[in-house]
PDB file of N, CA and C in Angstrom:
ATOM      1  N   MET A   1    -148.255-100.534   6.467  1.00  0.00           N
ATOM      2  CA  MET A   1    -147.911-101.129   5.143  1.00  0.00           C
ATOM      3  C   MET A   1    -149.323-102.121   5.093  1.00  0.00           C
ATOM      4  N   ALA A   2    -149.892-102.799   5.951  1.00  0.00           N
ATOM      5  CA  ALA A   2    -151.145-103.676   5.627  1.00  0.00           C
ATOM      6  C   ALA A   2    -151.955-103.064   6.799  1.00  0.00           C
ATOM      7  N   THR A   3    -153.245-103.236   6.885  1.00  0.00           N
ATOM      8  CA  THR A   3    -154.352-102.823   7.214  1.00  0.00           C
ATOM      9  C   THR A   3    -154.659-103.931   8.231  1.00  0.00           C
ATOM     10  N   PRO A   4    -155.332-103.565   9.316  1.00  0.00           N
ATOM     11  CA  PRO A   4    -155.729-104.718  10.283  1.00  0.00           C
ATOM     12  C   PRO A   4    -156.666-105.574   9.162  1.00  0.00           C
ATOM     13  N   ARG A   5    -157.623-105.398   8.774  1.00  0.00           N
ATOM     14  CA  ARG A   5    -158.331-106.123   7.946  1.00  0.00           C
ATOM     15  C   ARG A   5    -157.651-107.093   7.054  1.00  0.00           C
ATOM     16  N   THR A   6    -156.612-106.531   6.113  1.00  0.00           N
ATOM     17  CA  THR A   6    -155.881-107.303   5.235  1.00  0.00           C
ATOM     18  C   THR A   6    -154.845-108.447   5.988  1.00  0.00           C
ATOM     19  N   LEU A   7    -154.615-108.294   7.333  1.00  0.00           N
ATOM     20  CA  LEU A   7    -153.768-108.821   8.084  1.00  0.00           C
ATOM     21  C   LEU A   7    -154.926-110.323   8.557  1.00  0.00           C
ATOM     22  N   ALA A   8    -155.649-109.870   8.931  1.00  0.00           N
ATOM     23  CA  ALA A   8    -156.984-111.025   9.412  1.00  0.00           C
ATOM     24  C   ALA A   8    -157.462-111.846   8.163  1.00  0.00           C
ATOM     25  N   ARG A   9    -157.711-111.259   7.227  1.00  0.00           N
ATOM     26  CA  ARG A   9    -157.709-112.405   5.941  1.00  0.00           C
ATOM     27  C   ARG A   9    -156.516-113.152   5.457  1.00  0.00           C
ATOM     28  N   LEU A  10    -155.686-112.364   5.686  1.00  0.00           N
ATOM     29  CA  LEU A  10    -154.047-113.460   5.451  1.00  0.00           C
ATOM     30  C   LEU A  10    -154.284-114.302   6.789  1.00  0.00           C
ATOM     31  N   ASP A  11    -154.541-114.046   7.729  1.00  0.00           N
ATOM     32  CA  ASP A  11    -154.212-115.024   8.820  1.00  0.00           C
ATOM     33  C   ASP A  11    -155.479-116.279   8.645  1.00  0.00           C
ATOM     34  N   THR A  12    -156.699-115.840   8.058  1.00  0.00           N
ATOM     35  CA  THR A  12    -157.824-116.816   7.898  1.00  0.00           C
ATOM     36  C   THR A  12    -157.565-117.810   6.702  1.00  0.00           C
ATOM     37  N   LEU A  13    -156.666-117.038   5.673  1.00  0.00           N
ATOM     38  CA  LEU A  13    -156.187-117.851   4.659  1.00  0.00           C
ATOM     39  C   LEU A  13    -154.829-118.897   4.950  1.00  0.00           C
ATOM     40  N   ILE A  14    -154.318-118.141   5.618  1.00  0.00           N
ATOM     41  CA  ILE A  14    -153.045-119.193   6.195  1.00  0.00           C
ATOM     42  C   ILE A  14    -153.385-120.619   6.672  1.00  0.00           C
ATOM     43  N   TRP A  15    -154.219-120.272   7.676  1.00  0.00           N
ATOM     44  CA  TRP A  15    -154.981-121.614   8.513  1.00  0.00           C
ATOM     45  C   TRP A  15    -155.948-122.367   8.034  1.00  0.00           C
ATOM     46  N   SER A  16    -156.498-121.581   6.590  1.00  0.00           N
ATOM     47  CA  SER A  16    -157.337-122.791   5.982  1.00  0.00           C
ATOM     48  C   SER A  16    -156.776-123.401   5.288  1.00  0.00           C
ATOM     49  N   LEU A  17    -155.501-123.007   4.523  1.00  0.00           N
ATOM     50  CA  LEU A  17    -154.594-123.580   3.676  1.00  0.00           C
ATOM     51  C   LEU A  17    -153.857-124.735   4.632  1.00  0.00           C
ATOM     52  N   ILE A  18    -153.482-124.299   5.530  1.00  0.00           N
ATOM     53  CA  ILE A  18    -152.482-125.457   6.258  1.00  0.00           C
ATOM     54  C   ILE A  18    -153.498-126.920   6.933  1.00  0.00           C
ATOM     55  N   PHE A  19    -154.650-126.112   7.479  1.00  0.00           N
ATOM     56  CA  PHE A  19    -155.672-127.176   7.853  1.00  0.00           C
ATOM     57  C   PHE A  19    -156.332-127.938   6.797  1.00  0.00           C
ATOM     58  N   GLY A  20    -156.773-127.514   5.775  1.00  0.00           N
ATOM     59  CA  GLY A  20    -157.455-127.887   4.389  1.00  0.00           C
ATOM     60  C   GLY A  20    -156.393-128.855   4.065  1.00  0.00           C
ATOM     61  N   GLY A  21    -154.924-128.280   3.484  1.00  0.00           N
ATOM     62  CA  GLY A  21    -153.901-129.209   2.904  1.00  0.00           C
ATOM     63  C   GLY A  21    -153.837-130.369   3.652  1.00  0.00           C
ATOM     64  N   LEU A  22    -153.750-130.468   5.120  1.00  0.00           N
ATOM     65  CA  LEU A  22    -153.292-131.372   5.937  1.00  0.00           C
ATOM     66  C   LEU A  22    -154.513-132.537   5.691  1.00  0.00           C
ATOM     67  N   LEU A  23    -155.613-132.020   5.879  1.00  0.00           N
ATOM     68  CA  LEU A  23    -157.047-132.623   5.701  1.00  0.00           C
ATOM     69  C   LEU A  23    -156.979-133.303   4.278  1.00  0.00           C
ATOM     70  N   VAL A  24    -156.672-132.797   3.251  1.00  0.00           N
ATOM     71  CA  VAL A  24    -156.526-133.955   1.805  1.00  0.00           C
ATOM     72  C   VAL A  24    -155.364-134.515   1.827  1.00  0.00           C
ATOM     73  N   LEU A  25    -154.045-134.335   2.183  1.00  0.00           N
ATOM     74  CA  LEU A  25    -152.942-135.000   2.575  1.00  0.00           C
ATOM     75  C   LEU A  25    -153.663-136.460   3.239  1.00  0.00           C
ATOM     76  N   VAL A  26    -154.374-136.447   4.215  1.00  0.00           N
ATOM     77  CA  VAL A  26    -154.857-137.523   5.108  1.00  0.00           C
ATOM     78  C   VAL A  26    -155.542-138.247   4.326  1.00  0.00           C
ATOM     79  N   LEU A  27    -156.833-137.669   3.537  1.00  0.00           N
ATOM     80  CA  LEU A  27    -157.693-138.661   2.681  1.00  0.00           C
ATOM     81  C   LEU A  27    -156.813-139.057   1.422  1.00  0.00           C
ATOM     82  N   GLY A  28    -155.831-138.230   0.898  1.00  0.00           N
ATOM     83  CA  GLY A  28    -154.836-138.832  -0.354  1.00  0.00           C
ATOM     84  C   GLY A  28    -154.242-140.226   0.057  1.00  0.00           C
ATOM     85  N   ILE A  29    -153.504-140.090   1.433  1.00  0.00           N
ATOM     86  CA  ILE A  29    -153.056-141.322   2.070  1.00  0.00           C
ATOM     87  C   ILE A  29    -153.961-142.551   2.472  1.00  0.00           C
ATOM     88  N   ALA A  30    -155.258-142.018   2.611  1.00  0.00           N
ATOM     89  CA  ALA A  30    -156.075-143.180   3.052  1.00  0.00           C
ATOM     90  C   ALA A  30    -156.719-143.890   1.829  1.00  0.00           C
ATOM     91  N   SER A  31    -156.738-143.383   1.046  1.00  0.00           N
ATOM     92  CA  SER A  31    -157.099-143.607  -0.471  1.00  0.00           C
ATOM     93  C   SER A  31    -156.362-144.161  -1.570  1.00  0.00           C
ATOM     94  N   HIS A  32    -154.930-144.716  -1.327  1.00  0.00           N
ATOM     95  CA  HIS A  32    -154.184-145.025  -1.896  1.00  0.00           C
ATOM     96  C   HIS A  32    -154.416-146.402  -1.769  1.00  0.00           C
ATOM     97  N   ASP A  33    -154.967-147.022  -1.162  1.00  0.00           N
ATOM     98  CA  ASP A  33    -155.491-148.554  -1.616  1.00  0.00           C
ATOM     99  C   ASP A  33    -156.336-148.559  -2.789  1.00  0.00           C
ATOM    100  N   GLU A  34    -157.592-147.592  -2.858  1.00  0.00           N
ATOM    101  CA  GLU A  34    -158.196-147.536  -3.821  1.00  0.00           C
ATOM    102  C   GLU A  34    -157.955-147.508  -5.121  1.00  0.00           C
ATOM    103  N   THR A  35    -157.275-146.150  -5.208  1.00  0.00           N
ATOM    104  CA  THR A  35    -156.580-145.626  -6.383  1.00  0.00           C
ATOM    105  C   THR A  35    -155.665-145.034  -6.294  1.00  0.00           C
ATOM    106  N   ALA A  36    -154.884-145.636  -6.938  1.00  0.00           N
ATOM    107  CA  ALA A  36    -153.320-145.462  -6.391  1.00  0.00           C
ATOM    108  C   ALA A  36    -152.941-143.768  -7.236  1.00  0.00           C
ATOM    109  N   ILE A  37    -153.431-143.378  -8.316  1.00  0.00           N
ATOM    110  CA  ILE A  37    -153.343-142.216  -8.993  1.00  0.00           C
ATOM    111  C   ILE A  37    -154.077-141.322  -8.440  1.00  0.00           C
ATOM    112  N   GLY A  38    -155.363-141.271  -7.752  1.00  0.00           N
ATOM    113  CA  GLY A  38    -156.299-140.493  -7.171  1.00  0.00           C
ATOM    114  C   GLY A  38    -155.440-140.031  -5.464  1.00  0.00           C
ATOM    115  N   GLY A  39    -154.832-141.308  -5.065  1.00  0.00           N
ATOM    116  CA  GLY A  39    -154.258-141.383  -3.796  1.00  0.00           C
ATOM    117  C   GLY A  39    -153.111-140.336  -3.849  1.00  0.00           C
ATOM    118  N   TRP A  40    -152.468-140.454  -4.923  1.00  0.00           N
ATOM    119  CA  TRP A  40    -150.972-139.858  -4.868  1.00  0.00           C
ATOM    120  C   TRP A  40    -151.425-138.285  -5.564  1.00  0.00           C
ATOM    121  N   SER A  41    -152.560-138.264  -6.040  1.00  0.00           N
ATOM    122  CA  SER A  41    -152.936-136.562  -6.551  1.00  0.00           C
ATOM    123  C   SER A  41    -153.289-135.948  -5.329  1.00  0.00           C
ATOM    124  N   LEU A  42    -153.963-136.642  -4.487  1.00  0.00           N
ATOM    125  CA  LEU A  42    -154.751-135.741  -3.349  1.00  0.00           C
ATOM    126  C   LEU A  42    -153.420-135.726  -2.049  1.00  0.00           C
ATOM    127  N   SER A  43    -152.437-136.551  -2.295  1.00  0.00           N
ATOM    128  CA  SER A  43    -151.542-136.432  -1.186  1.00  0.00           C
ATOM    129  C   SER A  43    -150.545-135.168  -1.563  1.00  0.00           C
ATOM    130  N   VAL A  44    -149.982-135.170  -2.959  1.00  0.00           N
ATOM    131  CA  VAL A  44    -149.422-134.013  -3.427  1.00  0.00           C
ATOM    132  C   VAL A  44    -150.158-132.671  -3.184  1.00  0.00           C
ATOM    133  N   LEU A  45    -151.428-132.672  -3.811  1.00  0.00           N
ATOM    134  CA  LEU A  45    -152.308-131.295  -3.451  1.00  0.00           C
ATOM    135  C   LEU A  45    -152.469-130.994  -2.135  1.00  0.00           C
ATOM    136  N   GLY A  46    -152.728-131.782  -1.338  1.00  0.00           N
ATOM    137  CA  GLY A  46    -152.345-131.164   0.270  1.00  0.00           C
ATOM    138  C   GLY A  46    -151.382-130.719   0.696  1.00  0.00           C
ATOM    139  N   SER A  47    -150.073-131.594   0.336  1.00  0.00           N
ATOM    140  CA  SER A  47    -148.934-131.071   0.493  1.00  0.00           C
ATOM    141  C   SER A  47    -148.626-129.830   0.092  1.00  0.00           C
ATOM    142  N   VAL A  48    -148.621-129.557  -0.960  1.00  0.00           N
ATOM    143  CA  VAL A  48    -148.764-128.329  -1.622  1.00  0.00           C
ATOM    144  C   VAL A  48    -149.446-127.150  -0.960  1.00  0.00           C
ATOM    145  N   ALA A  49    -150.451-127.386  -0.691  1.00  0.00           N
ATOM    146  CA  ALA A  49    -151.496-126.325  -0.039  1.00  0.00           C
ATOM    147  C   ALA A  49    -151.114-126.013   1.565  1.00  0.00           C
ATOM    148  N   ALA A  50    -150.587-127.252   2.142  1.00  0.00           N
ATOM    149  CA  ALA A  50    -149.990-126.854   3.481  1.00  0.00           C
ATOM    150  C   ALA A  50    -148.588-126.251   3.743  1.00  0.00           C
ATOM    151  N   LEU A  51    -147.699-126.549   2.443  1.00  0.00           N
ATOM    152  CA  LEU A  51    -146.779-125.856   2.276  1.00  0.00           C
ATOM    153  C   LEU A  51    -146.721-124.462   1.966  1.00  0.00           C
ATOM    154  N   ALA A  52    -147.706-124.222   1.276  1.00  0.00           N
ATOM    155  CA  ALA A  52    -148.166-122.856   0.915  1.00  0.00           C
ATOM    156  C   ALA A  52    -148.522-122.022   2.002  1.00  0.00           C
ATOM    157  N   GLY A  53    -149.526-122.613   2.920  1.00  0.00           N
ATOM    158  CA  GLY A  53    -149.708-121.926   4.185  1.00  0.00           C
ATOM    159  C   GLY A  53    -148.346-121.702   5.233  1.00  0.00           C
ATOM    160  N   PHE A  54    -147.513-122.426   5.350  1.00  0.00           N
ATOM    161  CA  PHE A  54    -146.470-122.379   5.951  1.00  0.00           C
ATOM    162  C   PHE A  54    -145.622-121.118   5.586  1.00  0.00           C
ATOM    163  N   VAL A  55    -145.417-121.335   4.198  1.00  0.00           N
ATOM    164  CA  VAL A  55    -144.484-120.122   3.479  1.00  0.00           C
ATOM    165  C   VAL A  55    -145.506-118.893   3.735  1.00  0.00           C
ATOM    166  N   LEU A  56    -147.029-118.735   3.754  1.00  0.00           N
ATOM    167  CA  LEU A  56    -147.472-117.294   3.995  1.00  0.00           C
ATOM    168  C   LEU A  56    -147.385-117.229   5.587  1.00  0.00           C
ATOM    169  N   ILE A  57    -147.152-118.010   6.311  1.00  0.00           N
ATOM    170  CA  ILE A  57    -146.602-117.367   7.764  1.00  0.00           C
ATOM    171  C   ILE A  57    -145.358-116.750   7.898  1.00  0.00           C
ATOM    172  N   VAL A  58    -144.505-116.840   6.854  1.00  0.00           N
ATOM    173  CA  VAL A  58    -143.085-116.363   6.932  1.00  0.00           C
ATOM    174  C   VAL A  58    -143.305-115.048   6.405  1.00  0.00           C
ATOM    175  N   VAL A  59    -144.325-114.814   5.262  1.00  0.00           N
ATOM    176  CA  VAL A  59    -144.616-113.825   4.800  1.00  0.00           C
ATOM    177  C   VAL A  59    -145.366-112.772   5.834  1.00  0.00           C
ATOM    178  N   ARG A  60    -146.233-113.527   6.498  1.00  0.00           N
ATOM    179  CA  ARG A  60    -147.357-112.416   7.420  1.00  0.00           C
ATOM    180  C   ARG A  60    -146.375-112.117   8.666  1.00  0.00           C
ATOM    181  N   SER A  61    -145.195-113.002   9.012  1.00  0.00           N
ATOM    182  CA  SER A  61    -144.455-112.301   9.989  1.00  0.00           C
ATOM    183  C   SER A  61    -143.480-111.181   9.609  1.00  0.00           C
ATOM    184  N   ARG A  62    -143.134-110.822   8.275  1.00  0.00           N
ATOM    185  CA  ARG A  62    -142.594-109.617   7.780  1.00  0.00           C
ATOM    186  C   ARG A  62    -143.152-108.335   7.468  1.00  0.00           C
ATOM    187  N   LEU A  63    -144.750-108.697   7.622  1.00  0.00           N
ATOM    188  CA  LEU A  63    -145.507-107.502   6.993  1.00  0.00           C
ATOM    189  C   LEU A  63    -145.787-106.636   8.538  1.00  0.00           C
ATOM    190  N   ARG A  64    -145.925-105.263   8.293  1.00  0.00           N
ATOM    191  CA  ARG A  64    -146.030-104.661   9.661  1.00  0.00           C
ATOM    192  C   ARG A  64    -147.545-103.820   9.205  1.00  0.00           C
ATOM    193  N   GLU A  65    -148.070-103.606  10.432  1.00  0.00           N
ATOM    194  CA  GLU A  65    -149.470-103.107  10.517  1.00  0.00           C
ATOM    195  C   GLU A  65    -149.207-101.554  10.475  1.00  0.00           C
ATOM    196  N   ASP A  66    -150.401-100.925   9.794  1.00  0.00           N
ATOM    197  CA  ASP A  66    -150.262 -99.567   9.586  1.00  0.00           C
ATOM    198  C   ASP A  66    -150.672 -99.138  10.987  1.00  0.00           C
ATOM    199  N   ALA A  67    -150.156 -97.876  11.361  1.00  0.00           N
ATOM    200  CA  ALA A  67    -150.601 -97.195  12.649  1.00  0.00           C
ATOM    201  C   ALA A  67    -152.174 -96.715  12.391  1.00  0.00           C
ATOM    202  N   GLU A  68    -153.112 -96.909  13.303  1.00  0.00           N
ATOM    203  CA  GLU A  68    -154.577 -96.601  13.135  1.00  0.00           C
ATOM    204  C   GLU A  68    -154.693 -94.964  13.150  1.00  0.00           C
ATOM    205  N   PRO A  69    -155.632 -94.473  12.073  1.00  0.00           N
ATOM    206  CA  PRO A  69    -155.478 -93.206  12.121  1.00  0.00           C
ATOM    207  C   PRO A  69    -155.824 -92.317  13.462  1.00  0.00           C
ATOM    208  N   GLY A  70    -154.948 -90.971  13.523  1.00  0.00           N
ATOM    209  CA  GLY A  70    -155.294 -90.750  15.059  1.00  0.00           C
ATOM    210  C   GLY A  70    -154.338 -91.188  16.068  1.00  0.00           C
ATOM    211  N   ALA A  71    -153.460 -92.065  15.819  1.00  0.00           N
ATOM    212  CA  ALA A  71    -152.759 -92.362  16.799  1.00  0.00           C
ATOM    213  C   ALA A  71    -151.589 -91.772  16.889  1.00  0.00           C
ATOM    214  N   GLN A  72    -151.014 -91.009  15.968  1.00  0.00           N
ATOM    215  CA  GLN A  72    -150.076 -90.196  15.878  1.00  0.00           C
ATOM    216  C   GLN A  72    -150.168 -88.864  15.897  1.00  0.00           C
ATOM    217  N   SER A  73    -149.334 -88.034  16.463  1.00  0.00           N
ATOM    218  CA  SER A  73    -149.629 -86.626  16.940  1.00  0.00           C
ATOM    219  C   SER A  73    -149.535 -85.897  15.639  1.00  0.00           C
ATOM    220  N   THR A  74    -150.450 -84.838  15.546  1.00  0.00           N
ATOM    221  CA  THR A  74    -149.946 -84.098  14.528  1.00  0.00           C
ATOM    222  C   THR A  74    -149.879 -82.472  14.688  1.00  0.00           C
ATOM    223  N   PRO A  75    -148.985 -81.909  14.095  1.00  0.00           N
ATOM    224  CA  PRO A  75    -149.143 -80.280  14.647  1.00  0.00           C
ATOM    225  C   PRO A  75    -150.536 -79.776  14.095  1.00  0.00           C
ATOM    226  N   SER A  76    -150.756 -78.798  15.265  1.00  0.00           N
ATOM    227  CA  SER A  76    -151.817 -78.192  14.790  1.00  0.00           C
ATOM    228  C   SER A  76    -151.736 -77.137  13.913  1.00  0.00           C
ATOM    229  N   ARG A  77    -152.884 -76.512  13.486  1.00  0.00           N
ATOM    230  CA  ARG A  77    -152.888 -75.588  12.068  1.00  0.00           C
ATOM    231  C   ARG A  77    -152.541 -74.311  12.638  1.00  0.00           C
ATOM    232  N   THR A  78    -151.993 -73.968  13.577  1.00  0.00           N
ATOM    233  CA  THR A  78    -152.056 -72.472  13.942  1.00  0.00           C
ATOM    234  C   THR A  78    -150.324 -72.553  13.723  1.00  0.00           C
ATOM    235  N   GLY A  79    -149.425 -73.528  13.440  1.00  0.00           N
ATOM    236  CA  GLY A  79    -148.445 -73.745  13.132  1.00  0.00           C
ATOM    237  C   GLY A  79    -147.356 -74.110  14.386  1.00  0.00           C
ATOM    238  N   ASP A  80    -147.994 -74.183  15.726  1.00  0.00           N
ATOM    239  CA  ASP A  80    -147.456 -74.397  16.945  1.00  0.00           C
ATOM    240  C   ASP A  80    -146.744 -75.894  16.479  1.00  0.00           C
ATOM    241  N   SER A  81    -145.614 -76.249  17.088  1.00  0.00           N
ATOM    242  CA  SER A  81    -144.900 -77.609  17.177  1.00  0.00           C
ATOM    243  C   SER A  81    -145.479 -78.304  17.960  1.00  0.00           C
ATOM    244  N   PRO A  82    -145.936 -79.492  18.167  1.00  0.00           N
ATOM    245  CA  PRO A  82    -146.269 -80.586  19.294  1.00  0.00           C
ATOM    246  C   PRO A  82    -145.404 -80.616  20.448  1.00  0.00           C
ATOM    247  N   ARG A  83    -145.728 -80.616  21.489  1.00  0.00           N
ATOM    248  CA  ARG A  83    -144.453 -80.756  22.463  1.00  0.00           C
ATOM    249  C   ARG A  83    -144.667 -82.175  23.334  1.00  0.00           C
TER     250      ARG A  83
END
């Protein structure tokens, strides 16, 4: 269903969203004293990004990896069935 390359890219996206979202969330919390609207905006944006990363973990767990070419036995061209 999904190639190993696609799964690797999805893993990278997941962890980038989670860690980036948490970083932006912390920056938003830290900047609440200076600008209330900016702090809340960063907090909400970071929370949404981290939540998207957690949702993608569930999506990733339901994906199956395709078998590599040649991993399955195929019948020979002479018509013999594999034993």
